[in-house]
């Protein structure tokens, strides 16, 4: 995508964002846009990432949600069972937490 095309989408968005309906809806949209931008930054296809995370999230321990962030998703996804992740519904085996030596490097 060329630089000018991205600018055009933002300019069109500015007018559309005036009609979000409420501040809560605007904040929700901003959170989603930020998540999509983070996916792009980390080389992930946003739609595939969101589909995977929505599939995994009900089974994932609350204290380990950071592993589902776009920055760590490739490492986390590699640890999941592909056959379970490919199913639209059903149980997922959650891998054990990383040991300190395995922890993905923060950058």
PDB file of N, CA and C in Angstrom:
ATOM      1  N   UNK A   1       0.840  -1.168   0.000  1.00  0.00           N
ATOM      2  CA  UNK A   1       0.000   0.000   0.000  1.00  0.00           C
ATOM      3  C   UNK A   1       0.888   1.235   0.000  1.00  0.00           C
ATOM      4  N   UNK A   2       0.548   2.170  -0.851  1.00  0.00           N
ATOM      5  CA  UNK A   2       1.313   3.410  -0.911  1.00  0.00           C
ATOM      6  C   UNK A   2       0.910   4.330   0.233  1.00  0.00           C
ATOM      7  N   UNK A   3       1.808   5.223   0.584  1.00  0.00           N
ATOM      8  CA  UNK A   3       1.595   6.152   1.699  1.00  0.00           C
ATOM      9  C   UNK A   3       0.320   6.967   1.519  1.00  0.00           C
ATOM     10  N   UNK A   4       0.044   7.451   0.329  1.00  0.00           N
ATOM     11  CA  UNK A   4      -1.122   8.291   0.079  1.00  0.00           C
ATOM     12  C   UNK A   4      -2.437   7.571   0.318  1.00  0.00           C
ATOM     13  N   UNK A   5      -2.500   6.280  -0.006  1.00  0.00           N
ATOM     14  CA  UNK A   5      -3.737   5.512   0.205  1.00  0.00           C
ATOM     15  C   UNK A   5      -4.070   5.417   1.684  1.00  0.00           C
ATOM     16  N   UNK A   6      -3.090   5.211   2.520  1.00  0.00           N
ATOM     17  CA  UNK A   6      -3.316   5.124   3.961  1.00  0.00           C
ATOM     18  C   UNK A   6      -3.838   6.455   4.492  1.00  0.00           C
ATOM     19  N   UNK A   7      -3.263   7.564   4.009  1.00  0.00           N
ATOM     20  CA  UNK A   7      -3.723   8.884   4.425  1.00  0.00           C
ATOM     21  C   UNK A   7      -5.183   9.091   4.051  1.00  0.00           C
ATOM     22  N   UNK A   8      -5.575   8.619   2.876  1.00  0.00           N
ATOM     23  CA  UNK A   8      -6.956   8.772   2.427  1.00  0.00           C
ATOM     24  C   UNK A   8      -7.907   8.014   3.347  1.00  0.00           C
ATOM     25  N   UNK A   9      -7.539   6.786   3.738  1.00  0.00           N
ATOM     26  CA  UNK A   9      -8.400   6.020   4.637  1.00  0.00           C
ATOM     27  C   UNK A   9      -8.562   6.720   5.976  1.00  0.00           C
ATOM     28  N   UNK A  10      -7.487   7.308   6.481  1.00  0.00           N
ATOM     29  CA  UNK A  10      -7.591   8.033   7.742  1.00  0.00           C
ATOM     30  C   UNK A  10      -8.464   9.266   7.593  1.00  0.00           C
ATOM     31  N   UNK A  11      -8.346   9.965   6.481  1.00  0.00           N
ATOM     32  CA  UNK A  11      -9.160  11.158   6.271  1.00  0.00           C
ATOM     33  C   UNK A  11     -10.636  10.790   6.172  1.00  0.00           C
ATOM     34  N   UNK A  12     -10.946   9.717   5.491  1.00  0.00           N
ATOM     35  CA  UNK A  12     -12.336   9.260   5.411  1.00  0.00           C
ATOM     36  C   UNK A  12     -12.811   8.824   6.786  1.00  0.00           C
ATOM     37  N   UNK A  13     -11.961   8.160   7.531  1.00  0.00           N
ATOM     38  CA  UNK A  13     -12.314   7.701   8.861  1.00  0.00           C
ATOM     39  C   UNK A  13     -12.637   8.835   9.815  1.00  0.00           C
ATOM     40  N   UNK A  14     -11.932   9.937   9.699  1.00  0.00           N
ATOM     41  CA  UNK A  14     -12.174  11.067  10.609  1.00  0.00           C
ATOM     42  C   UNK A  14     -13.636  11.489  10.601  1.00  0.00           C
ATOM     43  N   UNK A  15     -14.216  11.584   9.400  1.00  0.00           N
ATOM     44  CA  UNK A  15     -15.633  11.970   9.317  1.00  0.00           C
ATOM     45  C   UNK A  15     -16.528  10.870   9.876  1.00  0.00           C
ATOM     46  N   UNK A  16     -16.235   9.616   9.551  1.00  0.00           N
ATOM     47  CA  UNK A  16     -17.066   8.506  10.013  1.00  0.00           C
ATOM     48  C   UNK A  16     -17.007   8.375  11.527  1.00  0.00           C
ATOM     49  N   UNK A  17     -15.852   8.672  12.112  1.00  0.00           N
ATOM     50  CA  UNK A  17     -15.694   8.499  13.558  1.00  0.00           C
ATOM     51  C   UNK A  17     -16.501   9.509  14.363  1.00  0.00           C
ATOM     52  N   UNK A  18     -17.005  10.544  13.713  1.00  0.00           N
ATOM     53  CA  UNK A  18     -17.874  11.494  14.407  1.00  0.00           C
ATOM     54  C   UNK A  18     -19.189  10.843  14.809  1.00  0.00           C
ATOM     55  N   UNK A  19     -19.509   9.725  14.177  1.00  0.00           N
ATOM     56  CA  UNK A  19     -20.808   9.096  14.374  1.00  0.00           C
ATOM     57  C   UNK A  19     -20.692   7.726  15.030  1.00  0.00           C
ATOM     58  N   UNK A  20     -19.816   7.578  15.973  1.00  0.00           N
ATOM     59  CA  UNK A  20     -19.624   6.304  16.664  1.00  0.00           C
ATOM     60  C   UNK A  20     -20.809   5.941  17.547  1.00  0.00           C
ATOM     61  N   UNK A  21     -21.593   6.894  17.942  1.00  0.00           N
ATOM     62  CA  UNK A  21     -22.768   6.613  18.752  1.00  0.00           C
ATOM     63  C   UNK A  21     -22.593   7.000  20.198  1.00  0.00           C
ATOM     64  N   UNK A  22     -21.428   6.768  20.746  1.00  0.00           N
ATOM     65  CA  UNK A  22     -21.157   7.141  22.127  1.00  0.00           C
ATOM     66  C   UNK A  22     -19.656   7.090  22.368  1.00  0.00           C
ATOM     67  N   UNK A  23     -19.251   7.649  23.479  1.00  0.00           N
ATOM     68  CA  UNK A  23     -17.827   7.592  23.837  1.00  0.00           C
ATOM     69  C   UNK A  23     -17.371   6.150  24.047  1.00  0.00           C
ATOM     70  N   UNK A  24     -18.245   5.321  24.620  1.00  0.00           N
ATOM     71  CA  UNK A  24     -17.889   3.914  24.830  1.00  0.00           C
ATOM     72  C   UNK A  24     -17.619   3.208  23.511  1.00  0.00           C
ATOM     73  N   UNK A  25     -18.466   3.472  22.502  1.00  0.00           N
ATOM     74  CA  UNK A  25     -18.262   2.853  21.191  1.00  0.00           C
ATOM     75  C   UNK A  25     -16.971   3.368  20.548  1.00  0.00           C
ATOM     76  N   UNK A  26     -16.702   4.641  20.721  1.00  0.00           N
ATOM     77  CA  UNK A  26     -15.473   5.212  20.163  1.00  0.00           C
ATOM     78  C   UNK A  26     -14.241   4.586  20.818  1.00  0.00           C
ATOM     79  N   UNK A  27     -14.288   4.388  22.131  1.00  0.00           N
ATOM     80  CA  UNK A  27     -13.155   3.749  22.827  1.00  0.00           C
ATOM     81  C   UNK A  27     -12.990   2.297  22.370  1.00  0.00           C
ATOM     82  N   UNK A  28     -14.090   1.588  22.184  1.00  0.00           N
ATOM     83  CA  UNK A  28     -14.018   0.203  21.713  1.00  0.00           C
ATOM     84  C   UNK A  28     -13.413   0.146  20.317  1.00  0.00           C
ATOM     85  N   UNK A  29     -13.833   1.058  19.450  1.00  0.00           N
ATOM     86  CA  UNK A  29     -13.277   1.099  18.095  1.00  0.00           C
ATOM     87  C   UNK A  29     -11.785   1.425  18.135  1.00  0.00           C
ATOM     88  N   UNK A  30     -11.391   2.358  18.976  1.00  0.00           N
ATOM     89  CA  UNK A  30      -9.972   2.712  19.093  1.00  0.00           C
ATOM     90  C   UNK A  30      -9.150   1.518  19.579  1.00  0.00           C
ATOM     91  N   UNK A  31      -9.696   0.759  20.522  1.00  0.00           N
ATOM     92  CA  UNK A  31      -8.996  -0.443  20.998  1.00  0.00           C
ATOM     93  C   UNK A  31      -8.822  -1.452  19.871  1.00  0.00           C
ATOM     94  N   UNK A  32      -9.864  -1.649  19.074  1.00  0.00           N
ATOM     95  CA  UNK A  32      -9.784  -2.592  17.963  1.00  0.00           C
ATOM     96  C   UNK A  32      -8.779  -2.118  16.915  1.00  0.00           C
ATOM     97  N   UNK A  33      -8.789  -0.825  16.588  1.00  0.00           N
ATOM     98  CA  UNK A  33      -7.821  -0.290  15.625  1.00  0.00           C
ATOM     99  C   UNK A  33      -6.394  -0.466  16.137  1.00  0.00           C
ATOM    100  N   UNK A  34      -6.193  -0.272  17.427  1.00  0.00           N
ATOM    101  CA  UNK A  34      -4.861  -0.452  18.007  1.00  0.00           C
ATOM    102  C   UNK A  34      -4.413  -1.907  17.933  1.00  0.00           C
ATOM    103  N   UNK A  35      -5.340  -2.825  18.182  1.00  0.00           N
ATOM    104  CA  UNK A  35      -5.011  -4.249  18.096  1.00  0.00           C
ATOM    105  C   UNK A  35      -4.648  -4.636  16.666  1.00  0.00           C
ATOM    106  N   UNK A  36      -5.394  -4.124  15.699  1.00  0.00           N
ATOM    107  CA  UNK A  36      -5.107  -4.406  14.293  1.00  0.00           C
ATOM    108  C   UNK A  36      -3.748  -3.826  13.900  1.00  0.00           C
ATOM    109  N   UNK A  37      -3.447  -2.622  14.346  1.00  0.00           N
ATOM    110  CA  UNK A  37      -2.146  -2.017  14.049  1.00  0.00           C
ATOM    111  C   UNK A  37      -1.015  -2.831  14.682  1.00  0.00           C
ATOM    112  N   UNK A  38      -1.227  -3.353  15.879  1.00  0.00           N
ATOM    113  CA  UNK A  38      -0.218  -4.181  16.535  1.00  0.00           C
ATOM    114  C   UNK A  38       0.003  -5.481  15.763  1.00  0.00           C
ATOM    115  N   UNK A  39      -1.072  -6.054  15.239  1.00  0.00           N
ATOM    116  CA  UNK A  39      -0.932  -7.263  14.405  1.00  0.00           C
ATOM    117  C   UNK A  39      -0.049  -6.972  13.197  1.00  0.00           C
ATOM    118  N   UNK A  40      -0.335  -5.866  12.530  1.00  0.00           N
ATOM    119  CA  UNK A  40       0.436  -5.486  11.354  1.00  0.00           C
ATOM    120  C   UNK A  40       1.901  -5.267  11.724  1.00  0.00           C
ATOM    121  N   UNK A  41       2.145  -4.593  12.833  1.00  0.00           N
ATOM    122  CA  UNK A  41       3.501  -4.331  13.300  1.00  0.00           C
ATOM    123  C   UNK A  41       4.279  -5.629  13.523  1.00  0.00           C
ATOM    124  N   UNK A  42       3.597  -6.666  14.003  1.00  0.00           N
ATOM    125  CA  UNK A  42       4.268  -7.930  14.322  1.00  0.00           C
ATOM    126  C   UNK A  42       4.116  -8.973  13.217  1.00  0.00           C
ATOM    127  N   UNK A  43       3.699  -8.542  12.019  1.00  0.00           N
ATOM    128  CA  UNK A  43       3.656  -9.423  10.863  1.00  0.00           C
ATOM    129  C   UNK A  43       2.541 -10.450  10.876  1.00  0.00           C
ATOM    130  N   UNK A  44       1.443 -10.149  11.560  1.00  0.00           N
ATOM    131  CA  UNK A  44       0.312 -11.072  11.627  1.00  0.00           C
ATOM    132  C   UNK A  44      -0.821 -10.588  10.741  1.00  0.00           C
ATOM    133  N   UNK A  45      -1.577 -11.514  10.187  1.00  0.00           N
ATOM    134  CA  UNK A  45      -2.799 -11.190   9.461  1.00  0.00           C
ATOM    135  C   UNK A  45      -3.868 -10.940  10.527  1.00  0.00           C
ATOM    136  N   UNK A  46      -4.379  -9.705  10.647  1.00  0.00           N
ATOM    137  CA  UNK A  46      -5.291  -9.375  11.748  1.00  0.00           C
ATOM    138  C   UNK A  46      -6.526 -10.270  11.841  1.00  0.00           C
ATOM    139  N   UNK A  47      -7.145 -10.588  10.716  1.00  0.00           N
ATOM    140  CA  UNK A  47      -8.365 -11.401  10.764  1.00  0.00           C
ATOM    141  C   UNK A  47      -8.076 -12.816  11.267  1.00  0.00           C
ATOM    142  N   UNK A  48      -6.986 -13.408  10.803  1.00  0.00           N
ATOM    143  CA  UNK A  48      -6.608 -14.753  11.259  1.00  0.00           C
ATOM    144  C   UNK A  48      -6.230 -14.724  12.736  1.00  0.00           C
ATOM    145  N   UNK A  49      -5.495 -13.692  13.147  1.00  0.00           N
ATOM    146  CA  UNK A  49      -5.121 -13.551  14.553  1.00  0.00           C
ATOM    147  C   UNK A  49      -6.363 -13.470  15.435  1.00  0.00           C
ATOM    148  N   UNK A  50      -7.287 -12.594  15.082  1.00  0.00           N
ATOM    149  CA  UNK A  50      -8.496 -12.428  15.894  1.00  0.00           C
ATOM    150  C   UNK A  50      -9.307 -13.721  15.948  1.00  0.00           C
ATOM    151  N   UNK A  51      -9.423 -14.424  14.821  1.00  0.00           N
ATOM    152  CA  UNK A  51     -10.154 -15.699  14.806  1.00  0.00           C
ATOM    153  C   UNK A  51      -9.493 -16.705  15.749  1.00  0.00           C
ATOM    154  N   UNK A  52      -8.176 -16.799  15.690  1.00  0.00           N
ATOM    155  CA  UNK A  52      -7.461 -17.730  16.568  1.00  0.00           C
ATOM    156  C   UNK A  52      -7.619 -17.361  18.038  1.00  0.00           C
ATOM    157  N   UNK A  53      -7.453 -16.091  18.353  1.00  0.00           N
ATOM    158  CA  UNK A  53      -7.515 -15.667  19.751  1.00  0.00           C
ATOM    159  C   UNK A  53      -8.930 -15.827  20.305  1.00  0.00           C
ATOM    160  N   UNK A  54      -9.935 -15.533  19.491  1.00  0.00           N
ATOM    161  CA  UNK A  54     -11.314 -15.740  19.946  1.00  0.00           C
ATOM    162  C   UNK A  54     -11.558 -17.227  20.197  1.00  0.00           C
ATOM    163  N   UNK A  55     -10.958 -18.083  19.418  1.00  0.00           N
ATOM    164  CA  UNK A  55     -11.085 -19.540  19.600  1.00  0.00           C
ATOM    165  C   UNK A  55     -10.390 -20.001  20.880  1.00  0.00           C
ATOM    166  N   UNK A  56      -9.234 -19.412  21.192  1.00  0.00           N
ATOM    167  CA  UNK A  56      -8.401 -19.846  22.312  1.00  0.00           C
ATOM    168  C   UNK A  56      -8.832 -19.229  23.646  1.00  0.00           C
ATOM    169  N   UNK A  57      -9.292 -17.998  23.614  1.00  0.00           N
ATOM    170  CA  UNK A  57      -9.509 -17.227  24.838  1.00  0.00           C
ATOM    171  C   UNK A  57     -10.385 -17.908  25.896  1.00  0.00           C
ATOM    172  N   UNK A  58     -11.489 -18.590  25.542  1.00  0.00           N
ATOM    173  CA  UNK A  58     -12.299 -19.206  26.604  1.00  0.00           C
ATOM    174  C   UNK A  58     -11.564 -20.276  27.411  1.00  0.00           C
ATOM    175  N   UNK A  59     -10.502 -20.831  26.852  1.00  0.00           N
ATOM    176  CA  UNK A  59      -9.768 -21.914  27.512  1.00  0.00           C
ATOM    177  C   UNK A  59      -8.496 -21.428  28.206  1.00  0.00           C
ATOM    178  N   UNK A  60      -8.129 -20.186  27.944  1.00  0.00           N
ATOM    179  CA  UNK A  60      -6.832 -19.681  28.400  1.00  0.00           C
ATOM    180  C   UNK A  60      -6.910 -19.168  29.838  1.00  0.00           C
ATOM    181  N   UNK A  61      -5.912 -19.462  30.670  1.00  0.00           N
ATOM    182  CA  UNK A  61      -5.904 -18.952  32.050  1.00  0.00           C
ATOM    183  C   UNK A  61      -5.794 -17.419  32.068  1.00  0.00           C
ATOM    184  N   UNK A  62      -6.575 -16.794  32.934  1.00  0.00           N
ATOM    185  CA  UNK A  62      -6.597 -15.331  33.011  1.00  0.00           C
ATOM    186  C   UNK A  62      -5.235 -14.723  33.294  1.00  0.00           C
ATOM    187  N   UNK A  63      -4.462 -15.366  34.112  1.00  0.00           N
ATOM    188  CA  UNK A  63      -3.167 -14.795  34.494  1.00  0.00           C
ATOM    189  C   UNK A  63      -2.115 -14.923  33.391  1.00  0.00           C
ATOM    190  N   UNK A  64      -2.485 -15.506  32.250  1.00  0.00           N
ATOM    191  CA  UNK A  64      -1.530 -15.691  31.146  1.00  0.00           C
ATOM    192  C   UNK A  64      -2.004 -15.032  29.847  1.00  0.00           C
ATOM    193  N   UNK A  65      -2.916 -14.063  29.936  1.00  0.00           N
ATOM    194  CA  UNK A  65      -3.445 -13.426  28.722  1.00  0.00           C
ATOM    195  C   UNK A  65      -2.385 -12.698  27.912  1.00  0.00           C
ATOM    196  N   UNK A  66      -1.301 -12.256  28.521  1.00  0.00           N
ATOM    197  CA  UNK A  66      -0.256 -11.560  27.777  1.00  0.00           C
ATOM    198  C   UNK A  66       0.319 -12.441  26.661  1.00  0.00           C
ATOM    199  N   UNK A  67       0.303 -13.746  26.858  1.00  0.00           N
ATOM    200  CA  UNK A  67       0.792 -14.670  25.825  1.00  0.00           C
ATOM    201  C   UNK A  67      -0.060 -14.607  24.562  1.00  0.00           C
ATOM    202  N   UNK A  68      -1.275 -14.056  24.660  1.00  0.00           N
ATOM    203  CA  UNK A  68      -2.165 -13.953  23.506  1.00  0.00           C
ATOM    204  C   UNK A  68      -1.997 -12.631  22.758  1.00  0.00           C
ATOM    205  N   UNK A  69      -1.156 -11.738  23.253  1.00  0.00           N
ATOM    206  CA  UNK A  69      -0.920 -10.453  22.592  1.00  0.00           C
ATOM    207  C   UNK A  69      -0.223 -10.675  21.255  1.00  0.00           C
ATOM    208  N   UNK A  70      -0.456  -9.800  20.279  1.00  0.00           N
ATOM    209  CA  UNK A  70       0.184  -9.970  18.962  1.00  0.00           C
ATOM    210  C   UNK A  70       1.702 -10.149  19.038  1.00  0.00           C
ATOM    211  N   UNK A  71       2.340  -9.465  19.969  1.00  0.00           N
ATOM    212  CA  UNK A  71       3.801  -9.561  20.085  1.00  0.00           C
ATOM    213  C   UNK A  71       4.258 -10.997  20.364  1.00  0.00           C
ATOM    214  N   UNK A  72       3.493 -11.752  21.127  1.00  0.00           N
ATOM    215  CA  UNK A  72       3.885 -13.104  21.522  1.00  0.00           C
ATOM    216  C   UNK A  72       3.091 -14.196  20.815  1.00  0.00           C
ATOM    217  N   UNK A  73       2.148 -13.826  19.951  1.00  0.00           N
ATOM    218  CA  UNK A  73       1.224 -14.803  19.396  1.00  0.00           C
ATOM    219  C   UNK A  73       1.909 -15.893  18.577  1.00  0.00           C
ATOM    220  N   UNK A  74       2.879 -15.560  17.755  1.00  0.00           N
ATOM    221  CA  UNK A  74       3.537 -16.588  16.927  1.00  0.00           C
ATOM    222  C   UNK A  74       4.154 -17.678  17.809  1.00  0.00           C
ATOM    223  N   UNK A  75       4.795 -17.280  18.898  1.00  0.00           N
ATOM    224  CA  UNK A  75       5.403 -18.240  19.818  1.00  0.00           C
ATOM    225  C   UNK A  75       4.331 -19.070  20.517  1.00  0.00           C
ATOM    226  N   UNK A  76       3.265 -18.407  20.957  1.00  0.00           N
ATOM    227  CA  UNK A  76       2.185 -19.114  21.650  1.00  0.00           C
ATOM    228  C   UNK A  76       1.480 -20.067  20.702  1.00  0.00           C
ATOM    229  N   UNK A  77       1.177 -19.604  19.494  1.00  0.00           N
ATOM    230  CA  UNK A  77       0.446 -20.436  18.527  1.00  0.00           C
ATOM    231  C   UNK A  77       1.238 -21.698  18.179  1.00  0.00           C
ATOM    232  N   UNK A  78       2.541 -21.571  18.095  1.00  0.00           N
ATOM    233  CA  UNK A  78       3.395 -22.724  17.775  1.00  0.00           C
ATOM    234  C   UNK A  78       3.321 -23.799  18.854  1.00  0.00           C
ATOM    235  N   UNK A  79       2.958 -23.423  20.059  1.00  0.00           N
ATOM    236  CA  UNK A  79       2.876 -24.380  21.172  1.00  0.00           C
ATOM    237  C   UNK A  79       1.512 -25.059  21.271  1.00  0.00           C
ATOM    238  N   UNK A  80       0.524 -24.578  20.507  1.00  0.00           N
ATOM    239  CA  UNK A  80      -0.821 -25.169  20.540  1.00  0.00           C
ATOM    240  C   UNK A  80      -0.903 -26.359  19.602  1.00  0.00           C
ATOM    241  N   UNK A  81      -1.835 -27.252  19.879  1.00  0.00           N
ATOM    242  CA  UNK A  81      -2.039 -28.406  19.002  1.00  0.00           C
ATOM    243  C   UNK A  81      -2.820 -27.961  17.775  1.00  0.00           C
ATOM    244  N   UNK A  82      -2.233 -28.137  16.604  1.00  0.00           N
ATOM    245  CA  UNK A  82      -2.838 -27.663  15.354  1.00  0.00           C
ATOM    246  C   UNK A  82      -4.195 -28.307  15.097  1.00  0.00           C
ATOM    247  N   UNK A  83      -4.341 -29.591  15.422  1.00  0.00           N
ATOM    248  CA  UNK A  83      -5.618 -30.273  15.179  1.00  0.00           C
ATOM    249  C   UNK A  83      -6.735 -29.687  16.037  1.00  0.00           C
ATOM    250  N   UNK A  84      -6.426 -29.308  17.280  1.00  0.00           N
ATOM    251  CA  UNK A  84      -7.430 -28.699  18.157  1.00  0.00           C
ATOM    252  C   UNK A  84      -7.766 -27.284  17.703  1.00  0.00           C
ATOM    253  N   UNK A  85      -6.760 -26.525  17.311  1.00  0.00           N
ATOM    254  CA  UNK A  85      -6.970 -25.152  16.877  1.00  0.00           C
ATOM    255  C   UNK A  85      -7.763 -25.087  15.573  1.00  0.00           C
ATOM    256  N   UNK A  86      -7.635 -26.107  14.736  1.00  0.00           N
ATOM    257  CA  UNK A  86      -8.335 -26.126  13.452  1.00  0.00           C
ATOM    258  C   UNK A  86      -9.838 -26.363  13.605  1.00  0.00           C
ATOM    259  N   UNK A  87     -10.244 -26.981  14.695  1.00  0.00           N
ATOM    260  CA  UNK A  87     -11.673 -27.212  14.923  1.00  0.00           C
ATOM    261  C   UNK A  87     -12.370 -25.907  15.279  1.00  0.00           C
ATOM    262  N   UNK A  88     -13.608 -25.719  14.804  1.00  0.00           N
ATOM    263  CA  UNK A  88     -14.314 -24.464  15.108  1.00  0.00           C
ATOM    264  C   UNK A  88     -14.709 -24.326  16.582  1.00  0.00           C
ATOM    265  N   UNK A  89     -14.963 -25.440  17.257  1.00  0.00           N
ATOM    266  CA  UNK A  89     -15.315 -25.416  18.684  1.00  0.00           C
ATOM    267  C   UNK A  89     -14.710 -26.639  19.348  1.00  0.00           C
ATOM    268  N   UNK A  90     -14.748 -26.649  20.662  1.00  0.00           N
ATOM    269  CA  UNK A  90     -14.253 -27.804  21.394  1.00  0.00           C
ATOM    270  C   UNK A  90     -13.079 -27.459  22.271  1.00  0.00           C
ATOM    271  N   UNK A  91     -12.661 -28.442  23.021  1.00  0.00           N
ATOM    272  CA  UNK A  91     -11.591 -28.285  23.995  1.00  0.00           C
ATOM    273  C   UNK A  91     -10.259 -27.949  23.325  1.00  0.00           C
ATOM    274  N   UNK A  92      -9.482 -27.130  24.000  1.00  0.00           N
ATOM    275  CA  UNK A  92      -8.109 -26.841  23.598  1.00  0.00           C
ATOM    276  C   UNK A  92      -7.189 -27.180  24.757  1.00  0.00           C
ATOM    277  N   UNK A  93      -6.091 -27.817  24.464  1.00  0.00           N
ATOM    278  CA  UNK A  93      -5.094 -28.114  25.473  1.00  0.00           C
ATOM    279  C   UNK A  93      -4.189 -26.900  25.621  1.00  0.00           C
ATOM    280  N   UNK A  94      -4.189 -26.307  26.787  1.00  0.00           N
ATOM    281  CA  UNK A  94      -3.348 -25.133  27.046  1.00  0.00           C
ATOM    282  C   UNK A  94      -1.960 -25.622  27.443  1.00  0.00           C
ATOM    283  N   UNK A  95      -0.924 -25.176  26.723  1.00  0.00           N
ATOM    284  CA  UNK A  95       0.425 -25.601  27.087  1.00  0.00           C
ATOM    285  C   UNK A  95       0.830 -25.012  28.442  1.00  0.00           C
ATOM    286  N   UNK A  96       1.781 -25.627  29.107  1.00  0.00           N
ATOM    287  CA  UNK A  96       2.219 -25.084  30.404  1.00  0.00           C
ATOM    288  C   UNK A  96       2.863 -23.714  30.202  1.00  0.00           C
ATOM    289  N   UNK A  97       2.913 -22.917  31.262  1.00  0.00           N
ATOM    290  CA  UNK A  97       3.552 -21.601  31.136  1.00  0.00           C
ATOM    291  C   UNK A  97       5.029 -21.749  30.802  1.00  0.00           C
ATOM    292  N   UNK A  98       5.561 -20.697  30.216  1.00  0.00           N
ATOM    293  CA  UNK A  98       6.989 -20.677  29.927  1.00  0.00           C
ATOM    294  C   UNK A  98       7.782 -20.696  31.224  1.00  0.00           C
ATOM    295  N   UNK A  99       8.890 -21.389  31.201  1.00  0.00           N
ATOM    296  CA  UNK A  99       9.845 -21.275  32.302  1.00  0.00           C
ATOM    297  C   UNK A  99      10.603 -19.966  32.073  1.00  0.00           C
ATOM    298  N   UNK A 100      11.285 -19.442  33.076  1.00  0.00           N
ATOM    299  CA  UNK A 100      12.032 -18.186  32.869  1.00  0.00           C
ATOM    300  C   UNK A 100      13.031 -18.268  31.710  1.00  0.00           C
ATOM    301  N   UNK A 101      13.610 -19.429  31.474  1.00  0.00           N
ATOM    302  CA  UNK A 101      14.566 -19.581  30.377  1.00  0.00           C
ATOM    303  C   UNK A 101      13.888 -19.550  29.008  1.00  0.00           C
ATOM    304  N   UNK A 102      12.635 -19.995  28.938  1.00  0.00           N
ATOM    305  CA  UNK A 102      11.892 -20.053  27.681  1.00  0.00           C
ATOM    306  C   UNK A 102      11.179 -18.740  27.370  1.00  0.00           C
ATOM    307  N   UNK A 103      11.051 -17.871  28.348  1.00  0.00           N
ATOM    308  CA  UNK A 103      10.277 -16.632  28.207  1.00  0.00           C
ATOM    309  C   UNK A 103      10.704 -15.884  26.939  1.00  0.00           C
ATOM    310  N   UNK A 104       9.716 -15.494  26.080  1.00  0.00           N
ATOM    311  CA  UNK A 104      10.075 -14.732  24.887  1.00  0.00           C
ATOM    312  C   UNK A 104      10.761 -13.416  25.287  1.00  0.00           C
ATOM    313  N   UNK A 105      11.753 -13.044  24.521  1.00  0.00           N
ATOM    314  CA  UNK A 105      12.506 -11.829  24.826  1.00  0.00           C
ATOM    315  C   UNK A 105      11.633 -10.600  24.638  1.00  0.00           C
ATOM    316  N   UNK A 106      11.629  -9.723  25.617  1.00  0.00           N
ATOM    317  CA  UNK A 106      10.891  -8.455  25.514  1.00  0.00           C
ATOM    318  C   UNK A 106      11.780  -7.471  24.761  1.00  0.00           C
ATOM    319  N   UNK A 107      11.139  -6.771  23.830  1.00  0.00           N
ATOM    320  CA  UNK A 107      11.929  -5.771  23.081  1.00  0.00           C
ATOM    321  C   UNK A 107      11.259  -4.435  23.103  1.00  0.00           C
TER     322      UNK A 107
END
